[in-house]
């Protein structure tokens, strides 16, 4: 994806992806009192003070991984949410999930990448914790790391469409629920996307 090499494109993509993930986390924060949720190694005692957008931009700035890694990390987060419904993405675990998903994507996608100690510094955690997070994330994914070209394009095209919708003014007949906040609640989920062409959209909660 040549356009991903454009810094402006990537900056906009990171900003939008941050907004989408933040919306999912906030939605799950509201639902935490109604659904049984497990506490995992990804959970912090408090919600980090750094915003999701600032955190993801920090990772983008210092991780020096290929731009495609952020799309693949998004795929991994979606797979994790589907496979671990009792561990929904929320404000207490989203930062650790982000740094871990990008690191795993870089290791899988790039020929050269930084080690766990470096990602730990970028993420503001210890190397030991980064090691534990990586192992739990891999098991949470069922080690399903391969992302086909078709799947990559599907997720990237979805992000592009959603960004276009945000930039375009809504038509006069658009109902209130078509606001940005509602749009960002939609999180693409696939059932065995490598073996079937059936696609669906649902909330990642």
Protein backbone atom coordinates (compact mmCIF):
# COMPACT_ATOMS: atom_id res chain seq x y z
CA UNK A 1 0.00 0.00 0.00
CA UNK A 2 2.05 2.88 -1.34
CA UNK A 3 -0.25 5.52 0.14
CA UNK A 4 0.60 4.31 3.64
CA UNK A 5 4.14 5.60 3.10
CA UNK A 6 2.71 9.12 3.00
CA UNK A 7 3.19 10.67 6.49
CA UNK A 8 -0.02 12.69 6.16
CA UNK A 9 -2.04 9.61 5.29
CA UNK A 10 -0.59 7.69 8.22
CA UNK A 11 -1.13 10.57 10.63
CA UNK A 12 -4.81 10.75 9.64
CA UNK A 13 -5.11 6.97 9.84
CA UNK A 14 -3.56 6.85 13.32
CA UNK A 15 -5.87 9.64 14.49
CA UNK A 16 -8.97 7.92 13.15
CA UNK A 17 -7.95 4.49 14.43
CA UNK A 18 -7.38 6.04 17.86
CA UNK A 19 -10.88 7.53 17.80
CA UNK A 20 -12.42 4.23 16.77
CA UNK A 21 -10.63 2.27 19.49
CA UNK A 22 -11.41 4.93 22.10
CA UNK A 23 -15.10 4.72 21.21
CA UNK A 24 -15.05 0.94 21.61
CA UNK A 25 -13.24 1.25 24.96
CA UNK A 26 -15.70 3.85 26.25
CA UNK A 27 -18.66 1.75 25.14
CA UNK A 28 -17.27 -1.25 26.98
CA UNK A 29 -16.60 0.91 30.06
CA UNK A 30 -20.32 1.67 30.16
CA UNK A 31 -21.23 -1.99 29.74
CA UNK A 32 -18.79 -3.31 32.33
CA UNK A 33 -21.46 -3.30 35.01
CA UNK A 34 -23.77 -5.49 32.95
CA UNK A 35 -21.35 -8.08 31.59
CA UNK A 36 -19.04 -10.53 33.31
CA UNK A 37 -15.44 -9.56 32.61
CA UNK A 38 -12.16 -11.15 33.60
CA UNK A 39 -9.14 -9.27 34.89
CA UNK A 40 -6.04 -10.02 32.84
CA UNK A 41 -2.39 -9.00 32.65
CA UNK A 42 -3.49 -6.23 30.28
CA UNK A 43 -5.48 -4.46 32.99
CA UNK A 44 -3.97 -1.57 34.90
CA UNK A 45 -5.11 -0.53 38.36
CA UNK A 46 -6.10 2.83 36.93
CA UNK A 47 -6.77 4.23 33.50
CA UNK A 48 -3.56 5.78 32.04
CA UNK A 49 -3.51 9.56 31.89
CA UNK A 50 -2.15 9.62 28.33
CA UNK A 51 -4.91 9.58 25.72
CA UNK A 52 -5.26 6.70 23.28
CA UNK A 53 -4.51 9.07 20.40
CA UNK A 54 -1.33 10.41 22.00
CA UNK A 55 -0.25 6.90 22.93
CA UNK A 56 -0.76 5.49 19.43
CA UNK A 57 1.01 8.46 17.88
CA UNK A 58 3.89 7.89 20.32
CA UNK A 59 4.12 4.27 19.17
CA UNK A 60 4.03 5.39 15.54
CA UNK A 61 6.77 7.94 16.17
CA UNK A 62 9.24 5.72 18.02
CA UNK A 63 8.52 2.11 17.01
CA UNK A 64 9.77 2.73 13.47
CA UNK A 65 7.83 -0.24 12.14
CA UNK A 66 6.34 -0.42 8.67
CA UNK A 67 3.01 1.45 8.25
CA UNK A 68 1.25 -1.83 7.41
CA UNK A 69 1.90 -3.00 10.98
CA UNK A 70 -0.82 -0.68 12.27
CA UNK A 71 -3.41 -2.23 9.97
CA UNK A 72 -2.29 -5.71 11.00
CA UNK A 73 -2.36 -4.66 14.66
CA UNK A 74 -5.96 -3.53 14.12
CA UNK A 75 -6.77 -6.97 12.67
CA UNK A 76 -5.15 -8.60 15.71
CA UNK A 77 -7.16 -6.47 18.13
CA UNK A 78 -10.35 -7.44 16.35
CA UNK A 79 -9.44 -11.12 16.46
CA UNK A 80 -8.55 -10.83 20.14
CA UNK A 81 -11.91 -9.19 20.90
CA UNK A 82 -13.74 -11.99 19.10
CA UNK A 83 -11.79 -14.83 20.71
CA UNK A 84 -11.81 -13.29 24.21
CA UNK A 85 -15.35 -11.92 24.75
CA UNK A 86 -14.81 -11.87 28.52
CA UNK A 87 -11.84 -9.51 28.01
CA UNK A 88 -13.37 -6.61 26.07
CA UNK A 89 -11.21 -3.63 25.18
CA UNK A 90 -11.72 -0.91 27.79
CA UNK A 91 -9.90 2.09 29.23
CA UNK A 92 -7.99 -0.09 31.71
CA UNK A 93 -6.43 -2.46 29.17
CA UNK A 94 -6.47 -0.64 25.81
CA UNK A 95 -2.99 0.89 26.09
CA UNK A 96 -1.30 -2.43 26.86
CA UNK A 97 -3.26 -4.13 24.11
CA UNK A 98 -2.16 -1.45 21.64
CA UNK A 99 1.56 -1.62 22.38
CA UNK A 100 1.45 -5.42 22.36
CA UNK A 101 -0.52 -5.71 19.12
CA UNK A 102 1.83 -3.34 17.28
CA UNK A 103 4.91 -5.15 18.61
CA UNK A 104 3.56 -8.55 17.57
CA UNK A 105 2.59 -7.18 14.16
CA UNK A 106 6.09 -5.74 13.67
CA UNK A 107 7.70 -9.05 14.56
CA UNK A 108 5.45 -10.90 12.13
CA UNK A 109 5.55 -8.36 9.28
CA UNK A 110 8.97 -6.70 9.31
CA UNK A 111 12.38 -8.16 8.60
CA UNK A 112 13.92 -5.82 11.16
CA UNK A 113 12.24 -4.73 14.39
CA UNK A 114 13.04 -3.53 17.89
CA UNK A 115 13.14 -5.95 20.81
CA UNK A 116 10.73 -6.20 23.73
CA UNK A 117 12.85 -3.95 25.93
CA UNK A 118 12.57 -1.11 23.43
CA UNK A 119 8.79 -1.51 23.06
CA UNK A 120 8.51 -1.59 26.84
CA UNK A 121 10.19 1.83 27.02
CA UNK A 122 7.92 3.20 24.29
CA UNK A 123 4.88 1.82 26.10
CA UNK A 124 5.95 3.00 29.54
CA UNK A 125 6.06 -0.47 31.10
CA UNK A 126 8.77 -2.86 32.28
CA UNK A 127 10.43 -5.38 29.99
CA UNK A 128 9.16 -8.21 32.19
CA UNK A 129 5.60 -6.98 31.82
CA UNK A 130 6.06 -6.60 28.07
CA UNK A 131 7.17 -10.23 27.89
CA UNK A 132 4.09 -11.39 29.80
CA UNK A 133 1.81 -9.28 27.63
CA UNK A 134 3.25 -10.74 24.45
CA UNK A 135 2.73 -14.33 25.61
CA UNK A 136 -0.84 -13.69 26.77
CA UNK A 137 -1.68 -11.84 23.56
CA UNK A 138 -0.37 -14.69 21.40
CA UNK A 139 -2.36 -17.26 23.34
CA UNK A 140 -5.39 -14.95 23.25
CA UNK A 141 -5.13 -14.93 19.47
CA UNK A 142 -4.67 -18.67 19.36
CA UNK A 143 -1.42 -17.84 17.52
CA UNK A 144 -3.55 -16.85 14.53
CA UNK A 145 -1.11 -14.27 13.18
CA UNK A 146 -1.33 -14.70 9.43
CA UNK A 147 -3.20 -11.91 7.65
CA UNK A 148 -4.02 -12.56 4.02
CA UNK A 149 -3.80 -9.81 1.45
CA UNK A 150 -7.58 -9.95 1.09
CA UNK A 151 -8.12 -9.49 4.81
CA UNK A 152 -5.60 -6.64 4.93
CA UNK A 153 -7.36 -4.81 2.10
CA UNK A 154 -10.77 -5.39 3.70
CA UNK A 155 -9.75 -3.79 7.00
CA UNK A 156 -7.86 -0.97 5.33
CA UNK A 157 -10.76 -0.25 2.97
CA UNK A 158 -13.10 -0.15 5.95
CA UNK A 159 -10.93 2.44 7.69
CA UNK A 160 -10.74 4.50 4.50
CA UNK A 161 -14.53 4.47 4.08
CA UNK A 162 -15.11 5.46 7.67
CA UNK A 163 -12.61 8.32 7.42
CA UNK A 164 -14.36 9.55 4.28
CA UNK A 165 -17.68 9.48 6.12
CA UNK A 166 -16.20 11.57 8.92
CA UNK A 167 -14.85 14.17 6.51
CA UNK A 168 -18.09 14.50 4.54
CA UNK A 169 -20.98 16.54 6.00
CA UNK A 170 -24.02 14.35 6.75
CA UNK A 171 -27.02 14.71 4.40
CA UNK A 172 -30.03 16.64 5.76
CA UNK A 173 -32.06 13.47 6.19
CA UNK A 174 -29.43 11.73 8.30
CA UNK A 175 -30.76 10.69 11.70
CA UNK A 176 -28.92 11.64 14.91
CA UNK A 177 -27.60 8.11 15.33
CA UNK A 178 -25.39 8.57 12.28
CA UNK A 179 -23.10 10.88 14.22
CA UNK A 180 -19.37 10.23 14.44
CA UNK A 181 -19.76 8.67 17.87
CA UNK A 182 -22.27 6.12 16.61
CA UNK A 183 -20.29 5.41 13.47
CA UNK A 184 -17.18 4.61 15.46
CA UNK A 185 -19.02 1.98 17.46
CA UNK A 186 -19.00 -0.24 14.39
CA UNK A 187 -16.04 -2.57 14.48
CA UNK A 188 -15.47 -5.03 11.63
CA UNK A 189 -15.56 -8.64 12.71
CA UNK A 190 -15.09 -11.68 10.51
CA UNK A 191 -15.77 -15.36 10.97
CA UNK A 192 -12.83 -17.31 9.54
CA UNK A 193 -12.23 -14.59 6.97
CA UNK A 194 -9.49 -16.58 5.25
CA UNK A 195 -11.88 -19.37 4.23
CA UNK A 196 -15.15 -17.60 3.53
CA UNK A 197 -16.29 -14.53 1.67
CA UNK A 198 -19.11 -13.85 4.10
CA UNK A 199 -18.59 -10.55 5.92
CA UNK A 200 -20.51 -8.89 8.69
CA UNK A 201 -20.32 -5.82 10.90
CA UNK A 202 -20.93 -5.92 14.64
CA UNK A 203 -19.92 -4.22 17.86
CA UNK A 204 -16.67 -5.41 19.34
CA UNK A 205 -17.93 -5.57 22.91
